[in-house]
Amino acid sequence: MSSPVLEVVRGDITEETVDAIVNAANSSLLGGGGVDGAIHRAAGPELVHACRLHGGCKTGQAKTTPGFDLAARWIIHTVGPVWQGGGEGEPELLASCYREALREADEKSARSVAFPAISTGIYGYPGDLAARVAVETVREATTSVERVRFVCFDETTVGFLQAAITAD
C-alpha cells in the first residue's frame, strides 16, 4: 500500500463524487451546524435515522452510514476535538479522526475519500495546525484509499492545506 494521492479543492463536500465523504460530526451524530448540518440536509431524512442506530460517537472515533441522497456511497462520521489550547491531547485526537475515518473507508472498500477541515469551525482548532495534522496523518496511514481530497469551505483553509502538503 502506498500513500494516497492528496488533493485540495475549495467547494461543497456534499457535491463530491467520491466513494465516501467524511462528516465533521458532533458526538450525538444527529446533525448540527456547519458541514455536519449541510451533510444531513443534503443526504436526506434517512441519515438521522441511520445515525441514531449508532448511539453516538466518541471524540477521535468514526462510524459509517450510507450516503443516501449524496453522490458518495458512504458517509464516515468522525468527532473532532474542541480546541483548548493544544495541551489537552487535541493533536492526537484529531489525528485519530483521520486514521479512524481511513480505517472505516478501508472496511467499505472505498478508494476515494473527501475530508472537510475537521475541528476548524465551531470547535476552534487553528487551521494551520489542523492542516499539518491532517496531511501528516493521511500520509502516514496504512490504507488502501488511493485518493484523499481535502474539500475546503474557504481559500484560507485551501492555503493551509496546500502549505502542509508542500512543506516536505
N, C-alpha and C. Protein backbone atom coordinates (compact mmCIF):
# COMPACT_ATOMS: atom_id res chain seq x y z
N MET A 1 0.84 -1.19 0.00
CA MET A 1 0.00 0.00 0.00
C MET A 1 0.88 1.24 0.00
N SER A 2 0.55 2.16 -0.87
CA SER A 2 1.28 3.42 -0.90
C SER A 2 0.38 4.51 -0.35
N SER A 3 0.98 5.63 -0.08
CA SER A 3 0.25 6.78 0.45
C SER A 3 -0.75 7.28 -0.59
N PRO A 4 -1.94 7.70 -0.15
CA PRO A 4 -2.92 8.20 -1.13
C PRO A 4 -2.45 9.48 -1.81
N VAL A 5 -2.93 9.70 -3.01
CA VAL A 5 -2.73 10.98 -3.70
C VAL A 5 -3.56 12.02 -2.95
N LEU A 6 -2.96 13.16 -2.63
CA LEU A 6 -3.66 14.21 -1.89
C LEU A 6 -4.04 15.35 -2.83
N GLU A 7 -5.29 15.79 -2.71
CA GLU A 7 -5.81 16.91 -3.49
C GLU A 7 -6.45 17.91 -2.54
N VAL A 8 -6.41 19.18 -2.91
CA VAL A 8 -7.06 20.23 -2.13
C VAL A 8 -7.93 21.04 -3.08
N VAL A 9 -9.20 21.20 -2.72
CA VAL A 9 -10.11 22.00 -3.53
C VAL A 9 -10.99 22.86 -2.62
N ARG A 10 -11.44 23.95 -3.17
CA ARG A 10 -12.46 24.74 -2.49
C ARG A 10 -13.79 24.30 -3.07
N GLY A 11 -14.74 23.96 -2.19
CA GLY A 11 -16.02 23.52 -2.71
C GLY A 11 -16.96 23.06 -1.62
N ASP A 12 -18.00 22.37 -2.06
CA ASP A 12 -19.06 21.86 -1.20
C ASP A 12 -18.90 20.35 -1.11
N ILE A 13 -18.55 19.85 0.06
CA ILE A 13 -18.27 18.42 0.23
C ILE A 13 -19.49 17.56 -0.10
N THR A 14 -20.69 18.12 0.03
CA THR A 14 -21.89 17.33 -0.26
C THR A 14 -22.03 17.03 -1.75
N GLU A 15 -21.28 17.74 -2.60
CA GLU A 15 -21.36 17.55 -4.04
C GLU A 15 -20.21 16.71 -4.60
N GLU A 16 -19.36 16.21 -3.71
CA GLU A 16 -18.20 15.43 -4.15
C GLU A 16 -18.63 14.07 -4.69
N THR A 17 -18.03 13.69 -5.81
CA THR A 17 -18.26 12.37 -6.39
C THR A 17 -17.06 11.49 -6.01
N VAL A 18 -17.15 10.94 -4.82
CA VAL A 18 -16.13 10.05 -4.26
C VAL A 18 -16.85 8.87 -3.63
N ASP A 19 -16.11 7.86 -3.24
CA ASP A 19 -16.73 6.70 -2.59
C ASP A 19 -17.29 7.06 -1.22
N ALA A 20 -16.56 7.91 -0.49
CA ALA A 20 -17.00 8.28 0.86
C ALA A 20 -16.65 9.74 1.14
N ILE A 21 -17.54 10.40 1.85
CA ILE A 21 -17.21 11.72 2.38
C ILE A 21 -17.15 11.58 3.90
N VAL A 22 -16.35 12.43 4.50
CA VAL A 22 -16.21 12.44 5.95
C VAL A 22 -17.01 13.61 6.49
N ASN A 23 -17.77 13.33 7.54
CA ASN A 23 -18.57 14.35 8.21
C ASN A 23 -17.89 14.72 9.52
N ALA A 24 -17.64 16.01 9.71
CA ALA A 24 -17.14 16.52 10.99
C ALA A 24 -18.36 16.64 11.90
N ALA A 25 -18.68 15.56 12.57
CA ALA A 25 -19.93 15.43 13.32
C ALA A 25 -19.76 15.85 14.79
N ASN A 26 -20.89 15.98 15.47
CA ASN A 26 -20.84 16.11 16.92
C ASN A 26 -21.07 14.72 17.52
N SER A 27 -20.91 14.59 18.82
CA SER A 27 -20.93 13.27 19.43
C SER A 27 -22.29 12.57 19.36
N SER A 28 -23.37 13.32 19.13
CA SER A 28 -24.69 12.69 19.01
C SER A 28 -24.90 12.05 17.64
N LEU A 29 -24.16 12.54 16.64
CA LEU A 29 -24.30 12.15 15.23
C LEU A 29 -25.65 12.55 14.63
N LEU A 30 -26.41 13.37 15.32
CA LEU A 30 -27.77 13.67 14.86
C LEU A 30 -27.89 14.99 14.09
N GLY A 31 -26.77 15.52 13.65
CA GLY A 31 -26.80 16.75 12.87
C GLY A 31 -26.48 17.95 13.74
N GLY A 32 -26.10 19.02 13.10
CA GLY A 32 -25.73 20.23 13.83
C GLY A 32 -25.52 21.35 12.84
N GLY A 33 -24.55 22.20 13.12
CA GLY A 33 -24.26 23.31 12.23
C GLY A 33 -23.14 22.98 11.27
N GLY A 34 -22.71 23.96 10.52
CA GLY A 34 -21.56 23.83 9.63
C GLY A 34 -21.70 22.68 8.65
N VAL A 35 -20.57 21.99 8.43
CA VAL A 35 -20.54 20.90 7.46
C VAL A 35 -21.48 19.76 7.88
N ASP A 36 -21.61 19.53 9.18
CA ASP A 36 -22.49 18.47 9.69
C ASP A 36 -23.93 18.73 9.26
N GLY A 37 -24.41 19.94 9.48
CA GLY A 37 -25.78 20.28 9.08
C GLY A 37 -25.97 20.19 7.57
N ALA A 38 -24.97 20.67 6.83
CA ALA A 38 -25.07 20.63 5.36
C ALA A 38 -25.15 19.19 4.86
N ILE A 39 -24.35 18.31 5.44
CA ILE A 39 -24.38 16.90 5.02
C ILE A 39 -25.72 16.27 5.37
N HIS A 40 -26.22 16.54 6.56
CA HIS A 40 -27.52 15.98 6.94
C HIS A 40 -28.63 16.47 6.02
N ARG A 41 -28.61 17.76 5.67
CA ARG A 41 -29.64 18.30 4.76
C ARG A 41 -29.54 17.65 3.38
N ALA A 42 -28.31 17.55 2.87
CA ALA A 42 -28.12 17.03 1.52
C ALA A 42 -28.38 15.53 1.42
N ALA A 43 -28.07 14.78 2.46
CA ALA A 43 -28.25 13.32 2.42
C ALA A 43 -29.70 12.92 2.57
N GLY A 44 -30.52 13.77 3.18
CA GLY A 44 -31.94 13.46 3.32
C GLY A 44 -32.29 12.91 4.70
N PRO A 45 -33.58 12.76 4.95
CA PRO A 45 -34.06 12.39 6.29
C PRO A 45 -33.66 11.00 6.77
N GLU A 46 -33.30 10.11 5.87
CA GLU A 46 -32.89 8.77 6.32
C GLU A 46 -31.61 8.80 7.12
N LEU A 47 -30.78 9.82 6.89
CA LEU A 47 -29.48 9.87 7.55
C LEU A 47 -29.62 9.93 9.07
N VAL A 48 -30.49 10.76 9.56
CA VAL A 48 -30.62 10.88 11.02
C VAL A 48 -31.07 9.55 11.64
N HIS A 49 -31.91 8.82 10.95
CA HIS A 49 -32.36 7.52 11.45
C HIS A 49 -31.19 6.53 11.49
N ALA A 50 -30.36 6.53 10.44
CA ALA A 50 -29.19 5.65 10.42
C ALA A 50 -28.20 6.02 11.52
N CYS A 51 -28.05 7.32 11.76
CA CYS A 51 -27.12 7.77 12.81
C CYS A 51 -27.63 7.37 14.20
N ARG A 52 -28.92 7.43 14.40
CA ARG A 52 -29.49 7.03 15.70
C ARG A 52 -29.09 5.60 16.07
N LEU A 53 -29.00 4.73 15.07
CA LEU A 53 -28.66 3.33 15.31
C LEU A 53 -27.24 3.16 15.86
N HIS A 54 -26.39 4.15 15.63
CA HIS A 54 -25.01 4.08 16.12
C HIS A 54 -24.89 4.50 17.60
N GLY A 55 -25.89 5.21 18.12
CA GLY A 55 -25.85 5.60 19.53
C GLY A 55 -24.75 6.58 19.87
N GLY A 56 -24.40 7.45 18.94
CA GLY A 56 -23.38 8.45 19.20
C GLY A 56 -22.00 7.98 18.81
N CYS A 57 -21.02 8.85 19.07
CA CYS A 57 -19.63 8.58 18.69
C CYS A 57 -18.72 9.40 19.59
N LYS A 58 -17.64 8.78 20.04
CA LYS A 58 -16.69 9.48 20.91
C LYS A 58 -15.69 10.29 20.08
N THR A 59 -15.13 11.31 20.70
CA THR A 59 -14.11 12.12 20.05
C THR A 59 -12.95 11.23 19.60
N GLY A 60 -12.53 11.43 18.35
CA GLY A 60 -11.42 10.67 17.79
C GLY A 60 -11.83 9.37 17.14
N GLN A 61 -13.10 9.00 17.25
CA GLN A 61 -13.60 7.76 16.65
C GLN A 61 -14.37 8.07 15.37
N ALA A 62 -14.80 7.04 14.66
CA ALA A 62 -15.55 7.22 13.41
C ALA A 62 -16.56 6.10 13.24
N LYS A 63 -17.69 6.43 12.65
CA LYS A 63 -18.75 5.47 12.34
C LYS A 63 -19.30 5.79 10.95
N THR A 64 -19.78 4.76 10.26
CA THR A 64 -20.18 4.92 8.86
C THR A 64 -21.67 4.66 8.65
N THR A 65 -22.26 5.46 7.78
CA THR A 65 -23.64 5.26 7.33
C THR A 65 -23.65 5.30 5.81
N PRO A 66 -24.73 4.82 5.20
CA PRO A 66 -24.87 5.02 3.75
C PRO A 66 -24.92 6.52 3.42
N GLY A 67 -24.65 6.85 2.17
CA GLY A 67 -24.69 8.23 1.71
C GLY A 67 -26.09 8.74 1.38
N PHE A 68 -27.05 7.84 1.27
CA PHE A 68 -28.43 8.19 0.94
C PHE A 68 -28.50 9.07 -0.30
N ASP A 69 -28.95 10.32 -0.21
CA ASP A 69 -29.16 11.15 -1.39
C ASP A 69 -27.89 11.81 -1.95
N LEU A 70 -26.74 11.53 -1.37
CA LEU A 70 -25.48 12.09 -1.85
C LEU A 70 -24.92 11.26 -3.00
N ALA A 71 -24.00 11.84 -3.75
CA ALA A 71 -23.30 11.09 -4.80
C ALA A 71 -22.37 10.05 -4.15
N ALA A 72 -21.84 10.38 -2.98
CA ALA A 72 -20.95 9.45 -2.26
C ALA A 72 -21.76 8.27 -1.74
N ARG A 73 -21.17 7.10 -1.82
CA ARG A 73 -21.86 5.89 -1.35
C ARG A 73 -21.93 5.83 0.18
N TRP A 74 -20.90 6.39 0.85
CA TRP A 74 -20.79 6.31 2.29
C TRP A 74 -20.55 7.69 2.92
N ILE A 75 -21.01 7.84 4.14
CA ILE A 75 -20.66 9.00 4.97
C ILE A 75 -19.95 8.43 6.20
N ILE A 76 -18.73 8.88 6.40
CA ILE A 76 -17.97 8.48 7.58
C ILE A 76 -18.01 9.64 8.56
N HIS A 77 -18.65 9.41 9.69
CA HIS A 77 -18.84 10.46 10.70
C HIS A 77 -17.71 10.35 11.72
N THR A 78 -17.04 11.45 11.98
CA THR A 78 -16.00 11.47 13.00
C THR A 78 -16.17 12.70 13.86
N VAL A 79 -15.80 12.58 15.12
CA VAL A 79 -15.96 13.68 16.07
C VAL A 79 -14.59 14.22 16.43
N GLY A 80 -14.33 15.43 15.97
CA GLY A 80 -13.05 16.07 16.25
C GLY A 80 -13.02 16.69 17.63
N PRO A 81 -11.81 17.01 18.09
CA PRO A 81 -11.66 17.62 19.40
C PRO A 81 -12.00 19.11 19.38
N VAL A 82 -12.48 19.60 20.51
CA VAL A 82 -12.65 21.04 20.71
C VAL A 82 -11.28 21.58 21.12
N TRP A 83 -10.83 22.65 20.46
CA TRP A 83 -9.53 23.24 20.75
C TRP A 83 -9.55 23.88 22.13
N GLN A 84 -8.60 23.49 22.96
CA GLN A 84 -8.48 24.05 24.31
C GLN A 84 -7.07 24.56 24.56
N GLY A 85 -6.37 24.93 23.47
CA GLY A 85 -5.02 25.45 23.59
C GLY A 85 -3.94 24.50 23.14
N GLY A 86 -4.28 23.25 22.89
CA GLY A 86 -3.33 22.29 22.36
C GLY A 86 -2.71 21.36 23.39
N GLY A 87 -2.95 21.61 24.65
CA GLY A 87 -2.34 20.79 25.69
C GLY A 87 -3.24 19.73 26.27
N GLU A 88 -4.39 19.52 25.67
CA GLU A 88 -5.36 18.55 26.20
C GLU A 88 -5.52 17.35 25.27
N GLY A 89 -4.46 17.04 24.54
CA GLY A 89 -4.49 15.88 23.64
C GLY A 89 -5.17 16.14 22.30
N GLU A 90 -5.42 17.42 21.98
CA GLU A 90 -6.13 17.73 20.74
C GLU A 90 -5.42 17.20 19.48
N PRO A 91 -4.09 17.36 19.33
CA PRO A 91 -3.46 16.84 18.11
C PRO A 91 -3.62 15.32 17.95
N GLU A 92 -3.49 14.58 19.05
CA GLU A 92 -3.64 13.13 19.00
C GLU A 92 -5.07 12.74 18.64
N LEU A 93 -6.04 13.44 19.23
CA LEU A 93 -7.45 13.15 18.93
C LEU A 93 -7.79 13.49 17.48
N LEU A 94 -7.26 14.61 16.98
CA LEU A 94 -7.52 14.98 15.60
C LEU A 94 -6.89 13.96 14.64
N ALA A 95 -5.66 13.55 14.93
CA ALA A 95 -5.02 12.52 14.10
C ALA A 95 -5.84 11.24 14.11
N SER A 96 -6.38 10.89 15.27
CA SER A 96 -7.21 9.70 15.38
C SER A 96 -8.44 9.80 14.47
N CYS A 97 -9.03 10.97 14.35
CA CYS A 97 -10.18 11.16 13.45
C CYS A 97 -9.82 10.75 12.02
N TYR A 98 -8.67 11.21 11.55
CA TYR A 98 -8.26 10.90 10.18
C TYR A 98 -7.92 9.41 10.03
N ARG A 99 -7.19 8.85 11.00
CA ARG A 99 -6.86 7.42 10.94
C ARG A 99 -8.10 6.55 10.98
N GLU A 100 -9.02 6.86 11.90
CA GLU A 100 -10.24 6.05 12.04
C GLU A 100 -11.14 6.19 10.82
N ALA A 101 -11.21 7.37 10.24
CA ALA A 101 -12.01 7.56 9.02
C ALA A 101 -11.44 6.72 7.88
N LEU A 102 -10.12 6.70 7.75
CA LEU A 102 -9.50 5.88 6.71
C LEU A 102 -9.69 4.39 6.98
N ARG A 103 -9.67 3.99 8.25
CA ARG A 103 -9.94 2.59 8.60
C ARG A 103 -11.36 2.22 8.19
N GLU A 104 -12.32 3.10 8.49
CA GLU A 104 -13.71 2.86 8.08
C GLU A 104 -13.81 2.79 6.55
N ALA A 105 -13.10 3.67 5.87
CA ALA A 105 -13.12 3.66 4.39
C ALA A 105 -12.59 2.33 3.87
N ASP A 106 -11.52 1.82 4.50
CA ASP A 106 -10.98 0.53 4.09
C ASP A 106 -11.99 -0.59 4.30
N GLU A 107 -12.71 -0.54 5.40
CA GLU A 107 -13.73 -1.57 5.67
C GLU A 107 -14.83 -1.58 4.62
N LYS A 108 -15.09 -0.43 4.02
CA LYS A 108 -16.13 -0.33 2.98
C LYS A 108 -15.54 -0.41 1.58
N SER A 109 -14.25 -0.69 1.48
CA SER A 109 -13.54 -0.76 0.20
C SER A 109 -13.60 0.54 -0.59
N ALA A 110 -13.66 1.66 0.11
CA ALA A 110 -13.66 2.97 -0.54
C ALA A 110 -12.25 3.30 -1.02
N ARG A 111 -12.13 3.74 -2.23
CA ARG A 111 -10.83 4.10 -2.80
C ARG A 111 -10.62 5.60 -2.87
N SER A 112 -11.71 6.37 -2.79
CA SER A 112 -11.61 7.84 -2.81
C SER A 112 -12.43 8.39 -1.65
N VAL A 113 -11.81 9.32 -0.92
CA VAL A 113 -12.44 9.89 0.28
C VAL A 113 -12.26 11.39 0.27
N ALA A 114 -13.33 12.12 0.59
CA ALA A 114 -13.26 13.58 0.73
C ALA A 114 -13.39 13.94 2.21
N PHE A 115 -12.45 14.74 2.69
CA PHE A 115 -12.43 15.20 4.08
C PHE A 115 -12.71 16.69 4.14
N PRO A 116 -13.48 17.14 5.14
CA PRO A 116 -13.53 18.56 5.45
C PRO A 116 -12.34 18.88 6.36
N ALA A 117 -12.19 20.13 6.76
CA ALA A 117 -11.15 20.51 7.72
C ALA A 117 -11.73 20.26 9.12
N ILE A 118 -11.54 19.06 9.62
CA ILE A 118 -12.15 18.63 10.89
C ILE A 118 -11.71 19.52 12.05
N SER A 119 -12.67 19.93 12.85
CA SER A 119 -12.48 20.71 14.09
C SER A 119 -12.13 22.18 13.89
N THR A 120 -12.03 22.66 12.64
CA THR A 120 -11.59 24.05 12.43
C THR A 120 -12.72 25.06 12.45
N GLY A 121 -13.95 24.60 12.50
CA GLY A 121 -15.09 25.53 12.55
C GLY A 121 -15.40 25.91 13.98
N ILE A 122 -16.59 25.58 14.42
CA ILE A 122 -17.06 25.93 15.75
C ILE A 122 -16.18 25.35 16.87
N TYR A 123 -15.45 24.26 16.56
CA TYR A 123 -14.59 23.64 17.57
C TYR A 123 -13.27 24.39 17.76
N GLY A 124 -12.99 25.37 16.89
CA GLY A 124 -11.92 26.34 17.12
C GLY A 124 -10.49 25.89 16.92
N TYR A 125 -10.25 24.75 16.30
CA TYR A 125 -8.89 24.27 16.09
C TYR A 125 -8.22 25.19 15.06
N PRO A 126 -7.04 25.74 15.36
CA PRO A 126 -6.38 26.64 14.40
C PRO A 126 -6.14 25.93 13.06
N GLY A 127 -6.53 26.57 11.98
CA GLY A 127 -6.50 25.95 10.66
C GLY A 127 -5.14 25.48 10.21
N ASP A 128 -4.09 26.26 10.49
CA ASP A 128 -2.75 25.86 10.05
C ASP A 128 -2.27 24.62 10.80
N LEU A 129 -2.54 24.56 12.09
CA LEU A 129 -2.15 23.39 12.89
C LEU A 129 -2.96 22.16 12.49
N ALA A 130 -4.25 22.35 12.27
CA ALA A 130 -5.13 21.24 11.86
C ALA A 130 -4.70 20.69 10.51
N ALA A 131 -4.31 21.56 9.59
CA ALA A 131 -3.88 21.13 8.25
C ALA A 131 -2.64 20.25 8.35
N ARG A 132 -1.69 20.62 9.20
CA ARG A 132 -0.47 19.82 9.35
C ARG A 132 -0.80 18.43 9.90
N VAL A 133 -1.67 18.38 10.91
CA VAL A 133 -2.07 17.09 11.49
C VAL A 133 -2.76 16.24 10.41
N ALA A 134 -3.67 16.84 9.66
CA ALA A 134 -4.43 16.12 8.63
C ALA A 134 -3.48 15.51 7.59
N VAL A 135 -2.60 16.32 7.04
CA VAL A 135 -1.72 15.86 5.97
C VAL A 135 -0.74 14.81 6.48
N GLU A 136 -0.11 15.06 7.62
CA GLU A 136 0.85 14.09 8.17
C GLU A 136 0.17 12.75 8.47
N THR A 137 -1.03 12.81 9.06
CA THR A 137 -1.72 11.58 9.43
C THR A 137 -2.13 10.77 8.21
N VAL A 138 -2.68 11.43 7.20
CA VAL A 138 -3.10 10.73 5.99
C VAL A 138 -1.89 10.14 5.29
N ARG A 139 -0.79 10.88 5.23
CA ARG A 139 0.42 10.37 4.57
C ARG A 139 0.99 9.15 5.28
N GLU A 140 0.89 9.12 6.60
CA GLU A 140 1.48 8.03 7.38
C GLU A 140 0.54 6.84 7.57
N ALA A 141 -0.73 7.00 7.21
CA ALA A 141 -1.71 5.95 7.45
C ALA A 141 -1.47 4.73 6.56
N THR A 142 -1.77 3.58 7.11
CA THR A 142 -1.77 2.34 6.33
C THR A 142 -3.20 2.18 5.81
N THR A 143 -3.39 2.40 4.53
CA THR A 143 -4.73 2.39 3.96
C THR A 143 -4.70 1.96 2.50
N SER A 144 -5.82 1.44 2.03
CA SER A 144 -5.99 1.12 0.62
C SER A 144 -6.63 2.27 -0.15
N VAL A 145 -6.99 3.33 0.55
CA VAL A 145 -7.56 4.52 -0.12
C VAL A 145 -6.51 5.08 -1.06
N GLU A 146 -6.91 5.33 -2.29
CA GLU A 146 -5.98 5.79 -3.31
C GLU A 146 -5.96 7.31 -3.47
N ARG A 147 -7.09 7.95 -3.15
CA ARG A 147 -7.18 9.41 -3.35
C ARG A 147 -7.89 10.04 -2.16
N VAL A 148 -7.25 11.03 -1.57
CA VAL A 148 -7.86 11.81 -0.49
C VAL A 148 -7.98 13.24 -0.98
N ARG A 149 -9.18 13.73 -0.90
CA ARG A 149 -9.48 15.08 -1.36
C ARG A 149 -9.87 15.90 -0.14
N PHE A 150 -9.13 16.96 0.15
CA PHE A 150 -9.50 17.88 1.23
C PHE A 150 -10.37 18.96 0.60
N VAL A 151 -11.64 18.99 1.01
CA VAL A 151 -12.60 19.92 0.45
C VAL A 151 -12.80 21.06 1.44
N CYS A 152 -12.40 22.25 1.02
CA CYS A 152 -12.36 23.41 1.92
C CYS A 152 -13.49 24.38 1.62
N PHE A 153 -13.99 24.98 2.67
CA PHE A 153 -15.07 25.95 2.56
C PHE A 153 -14.55 27.31 2.12
N ASP A 154 -13.28 27.61 2.41
CA ASP A 154 -12.75 28.94 2.09
C ASP A 154 -11.30 28.86 1.60
N GLU A 155 -10.84 29.95 1.01
CA GLU A 155 -9.49 30.00 0.45
C GLU A 155 -8.41 29.94 1.52
N THR A 156 -8.68 30.46 2.70
CA THR A 156 -7.69 30.41 3.79
C THR A 156 -7.35 28.96 4.11
N THR A 157 -8.37 28.12 4.23
CA THR A 157 -8.16 26.71 4.54
C THR A 157 -7.45 26.00 3.39
N VAL A 158 -7.80 26.35 2.16
CA VAL A 158 -7.09 25.81 0.99
C VAL A 158 -5.61 26.11 1.13
N GLY A 159 -5.28 27.34 1.48
CA GLY A 159 -3.88 27.75 1.63
C GLY A 159 -3.16 26.96 2.72
N PHE A 160 -3.82 26.76 3.86
CA PHE A 160 -3.20 26.00 4.96
C PHE A 160 -2.90 24.56 4.51
N LEU A 161 -3.85 23.93 3.82
CA LEU A 161 -3.65 22.55 3.39
C LEU A 161 -2.60 22.44 2.29
N GLN A 162 -2.61 23.37 1.35
CA GLN A 162 -1.59 23.34 0.29
C GLN A 162 -0.20 23.54 0.89
N ALA A 163 -0.09 24.42 1.87
CA ALA A 163 1.20 24.66 2.53
C ALA A 163 1.65 23.38 3.27
N ALA A 164 0.72 22.70 3.92
CA ALA A 164 1.07 21.47 4.65
C ALA A 164 1.52 20.37 3.69
N ILE A 165 0.89 20.30 2.53
CA ILE A 165 1.25 19.28 1.54
C ILE A 165 2.63 19.54 0.95
N THR A 166 2.95 20.80 0.71
CA THR A 166 4.23 21.13 0.07
C THR A 166 5.35 21.34 1.08
N ALA A 167 5.08 21.22 2.37
CA ALA A 167 6.07 21.50 3.42
C ALA A 167 7.23 20.51 3.43
N ASP A 168 7.02 19.33 2.88
CA ASP A 168 8.09 18.32 2.94
C ASP A 168 9.24 18.66 2.03
